[in-house]
Amino acid sequence: MIKVKSRVGESVQQMVKRFKKMCEKEGVIRDMKRISYYEKPSEKKRRRMRKSQRGTVALY
């Protein structure tokens, strides 16, 4: 859970900006967008395979 405590002399707009930045850093918004719609199991598998291939370096 992300918590934002008010700092001395900080406005509400600055707190909201800091909260959004923390959400972006933690990947909360990305996860919410991903799970907001149904994804077929085959699509999940395809996404995981592509992600694992991106991390692999081919040495030819």
Protein backbone atom coordinates (compact mmCIF):
# COMPACT_ATOMS: atom_id res chain seq x y z
CA MET A 1 0.00 0.00 0.00
CA ILE A 2 1.30 3.41 -0.93
CA LYS A 3 1.10 6.11 1.72
CA VAL A 4 1.93 9.79 1.34
CA LYS A 5 2.46 11.91 4.43
CA SER A 6 2.26 15.66 4.25
CA ARG A 7 5.56 17.47 4.47
CA VAL A 8 6.00 20.85 6.12
CA GLY A 9 4.78 23.60 3.81
CA GLU A 10 3.65 21.14 1.09
CA SER A 11 0.47 21.87 -0.85
CA VAL A 12 -2.18 19.31 -1.73
CA GLN A 13 -1.22 19.49 -5.41
CA GLN A 14 2.38 18.60 -4.56
CA MET A 15 1.20 15.65 -2.45
CA VAL A 16 -0.98 14.37 -5.30
CA LYS A 17 1.93 14.74 -7.72
CA ARG A 18 4.18 12.76 -5.35
CA PHE A 19 1.50 10.08 -4.94
CA LYS A 20 1.10 9.68 -8.71
CA LYS A 21 4.87 9.41 -9.11
CA MET A 22 5.03 6.69 -6.45
CA CYS A 23 2.17 4.78 -8.13
CA GLU A 24 3.95 4.97 -11.46
CA LYS A 25 7.22 3.77 -9.91
CA GLU A 26 5.53 0.79 -8.20
CA GLY A 27 3.66 -0.17 -11.38
CA VAL A 28 0.21 0.15 -9.81
CA ILE A 29 -1.31 1.99 -12.76
CA ARG A 30 0.17 -0.44 -15.29
CA ASP A 31 -1.22 -3.41 -13.35
CA MET A 32 -4.66 -1.82 -13.06
CA LYS A 33 -4.80 -1.24 -16.80
CA ARG A 34 -3.67 -4.81 -17.49
CA ILE A 35 -6.27 -6.45 -15.27
CA SER A 36 -9.13 -4.13 -16.23
CA TYR A 37 -10.03 -6.43 -19.12
CA TYR A 38 -10.12 -10.20 -19.58
CA GLU A 39 -7.02 -11.75 -21.07
CA LYS A 40 -7.22 -15.24 -22.49
CA PRO A 41 -4.76 -17.78 -21.04
CA SER A 42 -3.11 -18.14 -24.47
CA GLU A 43 -2.54 -14.36 -24.59
CA LYS A 44 -1.02 -14.43 -21.09
CA LYS A 45 1.34 -17.20 -22.18
CA ARG A 46 2.27 -15.30 -25.36
CA ARG A 47 2.97 -12.12 -23.33
CA ARG A 48 5.17 -14.01 -20.86
CA MET A 49 7.10 -15.68 -23.69
CA ARG A 50 7.76 -12.34 -25.40
CA LYS A 51 8.88 -10.83 -22.11
CA SER A 52 11.31 -13.69 -21.44
CA GLN A 53 12.71 -13.47 -24.98
CA ARG A 54 13.38 -9.74 -24.61
CA GLY A 55 15.55 -10.46 -21.58
CA THR A 56 17.58 -13.08 -23.42
CA VAL A 57 20.67 -12.02 -25.37
CA ALA A 58 21.50 -14.09 -28.43
CA LEU A 59 25.17 -14.80 -28.91
CA TYR A 60 25.85 -15.77 -32.53
